[in-house]
């Protein structure tokens, strides 16, 4: 943990607190025992607040002796991977409405898994492809059949 963790923890705490505040001011039709559309954002907001506090406290307790040097090649590689993942997440969000859920999710899962993996064999590529297809279509099936949620079809509709 480091000073950077403190700042990330504070940012995470603020995002979580903002989510909770937004759900408190959200207007929706209240039914008897139905928590409405604010339940999940409140839970996520509370989890972010808890994680933010934990990161901040852990960063404050960190000792300088145990920190690794941030300029090491390993740290630069991790940082590069973080930025690539952030960029791919942004592209996924853009592709989600354009290409639809199925294609964009499959491509995102397969590409990021292969990028983060250290294996580069044909067998591994096939395993990642099959797993990405199974995950994508399982989630699609659960949401469309059981939860009656329409997922974006993109230009396929």
C-alpha atoms as a PDB file:
ATOM      1  CA  UNK A   1       0.000   0.000   0.000  1.00  0.00           C
ATOM      2  CA  UNK A   2       1.223   3.484  -0.668  1.00  0.00           C
ATOM      3  CA  UNK A   3       0.330   7.122  -0.807  1.00  0.00           C
ATOM      4  CA  UNK A   4      -1.372   6.446  -4.139  1.00  0.00           C
ATOM      5  CA  UNK A   5      -3.652   3.968  -2.378  1.00  0.00           C
ATOM      6  CA  UNK A   6      -4.741   6.734  -0.011  1.00  0.00           C
ATOM      7  CA  UNK A   7      -5.814   8.937  -2.903  1.00  0.00           C
ATOM      8  CA  UNK A   8      -7.521   6.075  -4.718  1.00  0.00           C
ATOM      9  CA  UNK A   9      -9.307   5.176  -1.473  1.00  0.00           C
ATOM     10  CA  UNK A  10     -10.499   8.744  -1.003  1.00  0.00           C
ATOM     11  CA  UNK A  11     -11.751   8.843  -4.602  1.00  0.00           C
ATOM     12  CA  UNK A  12     -13.521   5.506  -4.187  1.00  0.00           C
ATOM     13  CA  UNK A  13     -15.122   6.711  -0.963  1.00  0.00           C
ATOM     14  CA  UNK A  14     -16.364   9.888  -2.669  1.00  0.00           C
ATOM     15  CA  UNK A  15     -17.839   7.979  -5.621  1.00  0.00           C
ATOM     16  CA  UNK A  16     -19.624   5.598  -3.240  1.00  0.00           C
ATOM     17  CA  UNK A  17     -20.954   8.448  -1.113  1.00  0.00           C
ATOM     18  CA  UNK A  18     -22.186  10.232  -4.228  1.00  0.00           C
ATOM     19  CA  UNK A  19     -23.993   7.069  -5.382  1.00  0.00           C
ATOM     20  CA  UNK A  20     -25.731   6.739  -2.023  1.00  0.00           C
ATOM     21  CA  UNK A  21     -26.752  10.408  -2.023  1.00  0.00           C
ATOM     22  CA  UNK A  22     -28.140  10.123  -5.549  1.00  0.00           C
ATOM     23  CA  UNK A  23     -30.276   7.118  -4.598  1.00  0.00           C
ATOM     24  CA  UNK A  24     -31.690   9.052  -1.650  1.00  0.00           C
ATOM     25  CA  UNK A  25     -32.939  11.810  -3.958  1.00  0.00           C
ATOM     26  CA  UNK A  26     -34.142   9.487  -6.729  1.00  0.00           C
ATOM     27  CA  UNK A  27     -37.835   9.683  -7.538  1.00  0.00           C
ATOM     28  CA  UNK A  28     -39.600   6.415  -8.352  1.00  0.00           C
ATOM     29  CA  UNK A  29     -42.944   4.741  -7.796  1.00  0.00           C
ATOM     30  CA  UNK A  30     -42.947   3.178  -4.351  1.00  0.00           C
ATOM     31  CA  UNK A  31     -44.742  -0.109  -3.938  1.00  0.00           C
ATOM     32  CA  UNK A  32     -45.393  -1.983  -0.702  1.00  0.00           C
ATOM     33  CA  UNK A  33     -42.339  -4.177  -0.096  1.00  0.00           C
ATOM     34  CA  UNK A  34     -40.514  -3.461  -3.344  1.00  0.00           C
ATOM     35  CA  UNK A  35     -37.210  -1.635  -2.749  1.00  0.00           C
ATOM     36  CA  UNK A  36     -37.389  -0.222  -6.268  1.00  0.00           C
ATOM     37  CA  UNK A  37     -34.516   0.669  -8.572  1.00  0.00           C
ATOM     38  CA  UNK A  38     -32.400   2.156  -5.784  1.00  0.00           C
ATOM     39  CA  UNK A  39     -31.477  -1.055  -3.989  1.00  0.00           C
ATOM     40  CA  UNK A  40     -28.554  -2.181  -6.152  1.00  0.00           C
ATOM     41  CA  UNK A  41     -26.961   1.294  -6.493  1.00  0.00           C
ATOM     42  CA  UNK A  42     -27.182   1.711  -2.717  1.00  0.00           C
ATOM     43  CA  UNK A  43     -25.507  -1.650  -2.118  1.00  0.00           C
ATOM     44  CA  UNK A  44     -22.764  -0.835  -4.644  1.00  0.00           C
ATOM     45  CA  UNK A  45     -22.344   2.623  -3.108  1.00  0.00           C
ATOM     46  CA  UNK A  46     -21.992   1.142   0.374  1.00  0.00           C
ATOM     47  CA  UNK A  47     -19.451  -1.399  -0.883  1.00  0.00           C
ATOM     48  CA  UNK A  48     -17.460   1.410  -2.528  1.00  0.00           C
ATOM     49  CA  UNK A  49     -17.515   3.419   0.702  1.00  0.00           C
ATOM     50  CA  UNK A  50     -16.244   0.424   2.689  1.00  0.00           C
ATOM     51  CA  UNK A  51     -13.528  -0.340   0.117  1.00  0.00           C
ATOM     52  CA  UNK A  52     -12.524   3.326  -0.023  1.00  0.00           C
ATOM     53  CA  UNK A  53     -12.144   3.519   3.754  1.00  0.00           C
ATOM     54  CA  UNK A  54     -10.144   0.272   3.790  1.00  0.00           C
ATOM     55  CA  UNK A  55      -7.813   1.507   1.042  1.00  0.00           C
ATOM     56  CA  UNK A  56      -7.288   4.847   2.750  1.00  0.00           C
ATOM     57  CA  UNK A  57      -6.575   3.310   6.155  1.00  0.00           C
ATOM     58  CA  UNK A  58      -4.279   0.691   4.613  1.00  0.00           C
ATOM     59  CA  UNK A  59      -2.416   3.378   2.688  1.00  0.00           C
ATOM     60  CA  UNK A  60      -1.963   5.468   5.811  1.00  0.00           C
ATOM     61  CA  UNK A  61      -0.608   2.498   7.759  1.00  0.00           C
ATOM     62  CA  UNK A  62       1.857   1.496   5.036  1.00  0.00           C
ATOM     63  CA  UNK A  63       5.496   1.740   5.902  1.00  0.00           C
ATOM     64  CA  UNK A  64       7.984   3.219   3.459  1.00  0.00           C
ATOM     65  CA  UNK A  65      10.337   0.272   3.913  1.00  0.00           C
ATOM     66  CA  UNK A  66       7.896  -2.271   2.510  1.00  0.00           C
ATOM     67  CA  UNK A  67       7.001  -0.258  -0.608  1.00  0.00           C
ATOM     68  CA  UNK A  68       8.450  -1.353  -3.897  1.00  0.00           C
ATOM     69  CA  UNK A  69      10.082   1.194  -6.099  1.00  0.00           C
ATOM     70  CA  UNK A  70       7.453   2.571  -8.489  1.00  0.00           C
ATOM     71  CA  UNK A  71       9.927   2.998 -11.364  1.00  0.00           C
ATOM     72  CA  UNK A  72      10.700  -0.700 -11.693  1.00  0.00           C
ATOM     73  CA  UNK A  73      10.004  -2.435 -15.019  1.00  0.00           C
ATOM     74  CA  UNK A  74       7.383  -4.605 -13.305  1.00  0.00           C
ATOM     75  CA  UNK A  75       5.509  -1.530 -12.077  1.00  0.00           C
ATOM     76  CA  UNK A  76       5.611   0.026 -15.547  1.00  0.00           C
ATOM     77  CA  UNK A  77       4.232  -3.173 -17.070  1.00  0.00           C
ATOM     78  CA  UNK A  78       1.385  -3.241 -14.536  1.00  0.00           C
ATOM     79  CA  UNK A  79       0.640   0.410 -15.211  1.00  0.00           C
ATOM     80  CA  UNK A  80       0.584  -0.206 -18.974  1.00  0.00           C
ATOM     81  CA  UNK A  81      -1.828  -3.104 -18.485  1.00  0.00           C
ATOM     82  CA  UNK A  82      -4.038  -0.912 -16.323  1.00  0.00           C
ATOM     83  CA  UNK A  83      -4.258   1.768 -19.028  1.00  0.00           C
ATOM     84  CA  UNK A  84      -4.912  -0.804 -21.753  1.00  0.00           C
ATOM     85  CA  UNK A  85      -7.713  -2.307 -19.647  1.00  0.00           C
ATOM     86  CA  UNK A  86      -9.174   1.142 -18.996  1.00  0.00           C
ATOM     87  CA  UNK A  87      -9.116   1.871 -22.722  1.00  0.00           C
ATOM     88  CA  UNK A  88     -10.694  -1.474 -23.567  1.00  0.00           C
ATOM     89  CA  UNK A  89     -13.427  -0.838 -20.991  1.00  0.00           C
ATOM     90  CA  UNK A  90     -14.149   2.505 -22.660  1.00  0.00           C
ATOM     91  CA  UNK A  91     -14.262   0.832 -26.099  1.00  0.00           C
ATOM     92  CA  UNK A  92     -16.589  -1.835 -24.686  1.00  0.00           C
ATOM     93  CA  UNK A  93     -18.968   0.850 -23.432  1.00  0.00           C
ATOM     94  CA  UNK A  94     -18.988   2.516 -26.856  1.00  0.00           C
ATOM     95  CA  UNK A  95     -19.344  -0.797 -28.700  1.00  0.00           C
ATOM     96  CA  UNK A  96     -22.154  -1.944 -26.405  1.00  0.00           C
ATOM     97  CA  UNK A  97     -24.761   0.286 -28.043  1.00  0.00           C
ATOM     98  CA  UNK A  98     -23.296   0.011 -31.539  1.00  0.00           C
ATOM     99  CA  UNK A  99     -22.659  -3.724 -31.819  1.00  0.00           C
ATOM    100  CA  UNK A 100     -25.047  -4.924 -29.125  1.00  0.00           C
ATOM    101  CA  UNK A 101     -24.545  -6.996 -26.009  1.00  0.00           C
ATOM    102  CA  UNK A 102     -23.571 -10.333 -27.531  1.00  0.00           C
ATOM    103  CA  UNK A 103     -20.822  -9.270 -29.920  1.00  0.00           C
ATOM    104  CA  UNK A 104     -19.305  -6.538 -27.766  1.00  0.00           C
ATOM    105  CA  UNK A 105     -19.298  -8.646 -24.595  1.00  0.00           C
ATOM    106  CA  UNK A 106     -17.790 -11.659 -26.337  1.00  0.00           C
ATOM    107  CA  UNK A 107     -15.034  -9.558 -27.914  1.00  0.00           C
ATOM    108  CA  UNK A 108     -14.330  -7.723 -24.640  1.00  0.00           C
ATOM    109  CA  UNK A 109     -14.106 -10.925 -22.588  1.00  0.00           C
ATOM    110  CA  UNK A 110     -11.968 -12.777 -25.110  1.00  0.00           C
ATOM    111  CA  UNK A 111      -9.619  -9.874 -25.835  1.00  0.00           C
ATOM    112  CA  UNK A 112      -9.022  -8.872 -22.233  1.00  0.00           C
ATOM    113  CA  UNK A 113      -8.573 -12.449 -21.061  1.00  0.00           C
ATOM    114  CA  UNK A 114      -6.048 -13.152 -23.796  1.00  0.00           C
ATOM    115  CA  UNK A 115      -4.250  -9.860 -23.130  1.00  0.00           C
ATOM    116  CA  UNK A 116      -3.914 -10.486 -19.394  1.00  0.00           C
ATOM    117  CA  UNK A 117      -2.979 -14.145 -19.827  1.00  0.00           C
ATOM    118  CA  UNK A 118       0.613 -15.258 -20.009  1.00  0.00           C
ATOM    119  CA  UNK A 119      -0.202 -18.334 -22.110  1.00  0.00           C
ATOM    120  CA  UNK A 120      -0.082 -18.030 -25.893  1.00  0.00           C
ATOM    121  CA  UNK A 121      -0.944 -21.548 -27.083  1.00  0.00           C
ATOM    122  CA  UNK A 122      -3.694 -22.527 -29.517  1.00  0.00           C
ATOM    123  CA  UNK A 123      -5.316 -24.653 -26.826  1.00  0.00           C
ATOM    124  CA  UNK A 124      -5.524 -21.648 -24.508  1.00  0.00           C
ATOM    125  CA  UNK A 125      -7.037 -19.460 -27.239  1.00  0.00           C
ATOM    126  CA  UNK A 126      -9.694 -22.100 -27.867  1.00  0.00           C
ATOM    127  CA  UNK A 127     -10.408 -22.379 -24.122  1.00  0.00           C
ATOM    128  CA  UNK A 128     -10.757 -18.615 -23.769  1.00  0.00           C
ATOM    129  CA  UNK A 129     -13.015 -18.424 -26.827  1.00  0.00           C
ATOM    130  CA  UNK A 130     -15.299 -21.190 -25.552  1.00  0.00           C
ATOM    131  CA  UNK A 131     -15.410 -19.710 -22.039  1.00  0.00           C
ATOM    132  CA  UNK A 132     -16.186 -16.239 -23.401  1.00  0.00           C
ATOM    133  CA  UNK A 133     -18.997 -17.625 -25.546  1.00  0.00           C
ATOM    134  CA  UNK A 134     -20.456 -19.591 -22.634  1.00  0.00           C
ATOM    135  CA  UNK A 135     -20.330 -16.629 -20.267  1.00  0.00           C
ATOM    136  CA  UNK A 136     -21.776 -14.211 -22.828  1.00  0.00           C
ATOM    137  CA  UNK A 137     -24.681 -16.422 -23.828  1.00  0.00           C
ATOM    138  CA  UNK A 138     -25.377 -17.584 -20.260  1.00  0.00           C
ATOM    139  CA  UNK A 139     -25.742 -14.010 -19.062  1.00  0.00           C
ATOM    140  CA  UNK A 140     -27.811 -13.136 -22.142  1.00  0.00           C
ATOM    141  CA  UNK A 141     -30.107 -16.102 -21.522  1.00  0.00           C
ATOM    142  CA  UNK A 142     -30.560 -15.321 -17.813  1.00  0.00           C
ATOM    143  CA  UNK A 143     -31.349 -11.674 -18.465  1.00  0.00           C
ATOM    144  CA  UNK A 144     -33.712 -12.226 -21.387  1.00  0.00           C
ATOM    145  CA  UNK A 145     -35.511 -15.381 -20.219  1.00  0.00           C
ATOM    146  CA  UNK A 146     -35.681 -15.077 -16.444  1.00  0.00           C
ATOM    147  CA  UNK A 147     -35.331 -11.383 -15.706  1.00  0.00           C
ATOM    148  CA  UNK A 148     -37.182 -10.112 -18.812  1.00  0.00           C
ATOM    149  CA  UNK A 149     -34.505  -7.500 -19.480  1.00  0.00           C
ATOM    150  CA  UNK A 150     -33.902  -6.455 -23.065  1.00  0.00           C
ATOM    151  CA  UNK A 151     -30.215  -6.157 -23.816  1.00  0.00           C
ATOM    152  CA  UNK A 152     -28.983  -3.974 -26.689  1.00  0.00           C
ATOM    153  CA  UNK A 153     -29.022  -5.739 -30.028  1.00  0.00           C
ATOM    154  CA  UNK A 154     -26.911  -3.164 -31.860  1.00  0.00           C
ATOM    155  CA  UNK A 155     -27.131  -3.242 -35.618  1.00  0.00           C
ATOM    156  CA  UNK A 156     -28.300  -6.881 -35.530  1.00  0.00           C
ATOM    157  CA  UNK A 157     -31.882  -5.880 -34.660  1.00  0.00           C
END
